[in-house]
């Protein structure tokens, strides 16, 4: 059991993931204090797009038509929100 905790404690990939998650949280809060919530919050959904790309690159997962359609809808929604904020 002790070896298990040691391998987790010294896992650089896990540490890097935690650091980048904390950094993104800090930047998100900073962005929320300076920007429009209706624009910034939907950008969180870009995480789904990144997850699809990383899963293909690192885990060789199959990208199906349904997954691409979902990503397309996310991107279209973000584009509409950006366009809507420019013309109000």
C-alpha atoms as a PDB file:
ATOM      1  CA  UNK A   1       0.000   0.000   0.000  1.00  0.00           C
ATOM      2  CA  UNK A   2       2.853   2.408   0.814  1.00  0.00           C
ATOM      3  CA  UNK A   3       4.420   1.928  -2.632  1.00  0.00           C
ATOM      4  CA  UNK A   4       1.049   2.809  -4.217  1.00  0.00           C
ATOM      5  CA  UNK A   5       0.926   6.208  -2.462  1.00  0.00           C
ATOM      6  CA  UNK A   6       4.551   6.891  -3.323  1.00  0.00           C
ATOM      7  CA  UNK A   7       3.929   6.264  -7.002  1.00  0.00           C
ATOM      8  CA  UNK A   8       1.004   8.704  -6.913  1.00  0.00           C
ATOM      9  CA  UNK A   9       2.942  11.326  -4.952  1.00  0.00           C
ATOM     10  CA  UNK A  10       5.851  11.352  -7.418  1.00  0.00           C
ATOM     11  CA  UNK A  11       3.827  11.087 -10.624  1.00  0.00           C
ATOM     12  CA  UNK A  12       4.887  14.130 -12.665  1.00  0.00           C
ATOM     13  CA  UNK A  13       1.979  13.783 -15.082  1.00  0.00           C
ATOM     14  CA  UNK A  14      -0.506  13.921 -12.235  1.00  0.00           C
ATOM     15  CA  UNK A  15       1.298  16.916 -10.722  1.00  0.00           C
ATOM     16  CA  UNK A  16       1.318  18.702 -14.080  1.00  0.00           C
ATOM     17  CA  UNK A  17      -2.398  18.037 -14.511  1.00  0.00           C
ATOM     18  CA  UNK A  18      -3.172  19.432 -11.074  1.00  0.00           C
ATOM     19  CA  UNK A  19      -1.036  22.537 -11.672  1.00  0.00           C
ATOM     20  CA  UNK A  20      -2.627  23.254 -15.058  1.00  0.00           C
ATOM     21  CA  UNK A  21      -6.111  22.721 -13.618  1.00  0.00           C
ATOM     22  CA  UNK A  22      -5.389  25.164 -10.788  1.00  0.00           C
ATOM     23  CA  UNK A  23      -3.936  27.673 -13.246  1.00  0.00           C
ATOM     24  CA  UNK A  24      -6.987  27.427 -15.481  1.00  0.00           C
ATOM     25  CA  UNK A  25      -9.234  27.951 -12.448  1.00  0.00           C
ATOM     26  CA  UNK A  26      -7.330  31.086 -11.426  1.00  0.00           C
ATOM     27  CA  UNK A  27      -7.447  32.452 -14.981  1.00  0.00           C
ATOM     28  CA  UNK A  28     -11.154  31.651 -15.241  1.00  0.00           C
ATOM     29  CA  UNK A  29     -11.940  33.555 -12.033  1.00  0.00           C
ATOM     30  CA  UNK A  30      -9.781  36.460 -13.233  1.00  0.00           C
ATOM     31  CA  UNK A  31     -11.632  36.455 -16.548  1.00  0.00           C
ATOM     32  CA  UNK A  32     -14.995  36.400 -14.787  1.00  0.00           C
ATOM     33  CA  UNK A  33     -14.074  39.520 -12.837  1.00  0.00           C
ATOM     34  CA  UNK A  34     -13.220  41.411 -16.030  1.00  0.00           C
ATOM     35  CA  UNK A  35     -15.568  40.012 -18.673  1.00  0.00           C
ATOM     36  CA  UNK A  36     -19.107  39.071 -19.554  1.00  0.00           C
ATOM     37  CA  UNK A  37     -20.360  35.912 -17.914  1.00  0.00           C
ATOM     38  CA  UNK A  38     -22.523  35.085 -20.942  1.00  0.00           C
ATOM     39  CA  UNK A  39     -19.399  34.960 -23.112  1.00  0.00           C
ATOM     40  CA  UNK A  40     -16.804  33.514 -20.772  1.00  0.00           C
ATOM     41  CA  UNK A  41     -18.779  30.681 -19.238  1.00  0.00           C
ATOM     42  CA  UNK A  42     -19.616  28.946 -22.553  1.00  0.00           C
ATOM     43  CA  UNK A  43     -15.890  28.862 -23.292  1.00  0.00           C
ATOM     44  CA  UNK A  44     -15.703  26.189 -20.605  1.00  0.00           C
ATOM     45  CA  UNK A  45     -17.377  23.911 -23.141  1.00  0.00           C
ATOM     46  CA  UNK A  46     -14.211  24.104 -25.244  1.00  0.00           C
ATOM     47  CA  UNK A  47     -12.899  21.537 -22.784  1.00  0.00           C
ATOM     48  CA  UNK A  48     -15.059  18.980 -24.580  1.00  0.00           C
ATOM     49  CA  UNK A  49     -13.404  19.883 -27.867  1.00  0.00           C
ATOM     50  CA  UNK A  50      -9.938  19.551 -26.346  1.00  0.00           C
ATOM     51  CA  UNK A  51     -10.879  16.238 -24.743  1.00  0.00           C
ATOM     52  CA  UNK A  52     -11.920  14.853 -28.117  1.00  0.00           C
ATOM     53  CA  UNK A  53      -8.645  15.941 -29.723  1.00  0.00           C
ATOM     54  CA  UNK A  54      -6.473  14.608 -26.871  1.00  0.00           C
ATOM     55  CA  UNK A  55      -8.357  11.298 -26.757  1.00  0.00           C
ATOM     56  CA  UNK A  56      -7.623  10.809 -30.451  1.00  0.00           C
ATOM     57  CA  UNK A  57      -3.961  11.803 -30.166  1.00  0.00           C
ATOM     58  CA  UNK A  58      -3.038   9.990 -26.971  1.00  0.00           C
ATOM     59  CA  UNK A  59      -5.482   7.094 -26.737  1.00  0.00           C
ATOM     60  CA  UNK A  60      -6.224   6.502 -30.436  1.00  0.00           C
ATOM     61  CA  UNK A  61      -9.970   6.726 -29.782  1.00  0.00           C
ATOM     62  CA  UNK A  62     -12.298   6.700 -32.740  1.00  0.00           C
ATOM     63  CA  UNK A  63     -13.919  10.032 -33.587  1.00  0.00           C
ATOM     64  CA  UNK A  64     -17.411   9.239 -34.779  1.00  0.00           C
ATOM     65  CA  UNK A  65     -19.787  11.371 -36.785  1.00  0.00           C
ATOM     66  CA  UNK A  66     -21.922  11.941 -33.690  1.00  0.00           C
ATOM     67  CA  UNK A  67     -18.887  13.187 -31.735  1.00  0.00           C
ATOM     68  CA  UNK A  68     -17.964  15.548 -34.570  1.00  0.00           C
ATOM     69  CA  UNK A  69     -21.543  16.798 -34.740  1.00  0.00           C
ATOM     70  CA  UNK A  70     -21.467  17.489 -31.002  1.00  0.00           C
ATOM     71  CA  UNK A  71     -18.220  19.421 -31.291  1.00  0.00           C
ATOM     72  CA  UNK A  72     -19.646  21.306 -34.250  1.00  0.00           C
ATOM     73  CA  UNK A  73     -22.705  22.315 -32.237  1.00  0.00           C
ATOM     74  CA  UNK A  74     -20.492  23.499 -29.381  1.00  0.00           C
ATOM     75  CA  UNK A  75     -18.395  25.620 -31.745  1.00  0.00           C
ATOM     76  CA  UNK A  76     -21.476  27.026 -33.472  1.00  0.00           C
ATOM     77  CA  UNK A  77     -22.989  27.919 -30.105  1.00  0.00           C
ATOM     78  CA  UNK A  78     -19.827  29.721 -29.026  1.00  0.00           C
ATOM     79  CA  UNK A  79     -19.719  31.583 -32.349  1.00  0.00           C
ATOM     80  CA  UNK A  80     -23.352  32.677 -31.930  1.00  0.00           C
ATOM     81  CA  UNK A  81     -22.641  33.936 -28.421  1.00  0.00           C
ATOM     82  CA  UNK A  82     -19.638  35.882 -29.652  1.00  0.00           C
ATOM     83  CA  UNK A  83     -21.606  37.340 -32.532  1.00  0.00           C
ATOM     84  CA  UNK A  84     -24.507  38.206 -30.251  1.00  0.00           C
ATOM     85  CA  UNK A  85     -22.275  40.110 -27.854  1.00  0.00           C
ATOM     86  CA  UNK A  86     -20.970  42.294 -30.674  1.00  0.00           C
ATOM     87  CA  UNK A  87     -24.436  43.348 -31.843  1.00  0.00           C
ATOM     88  CA  UNK A  88     -26.375  44.287 -28.729  1.00  0.00           C
END
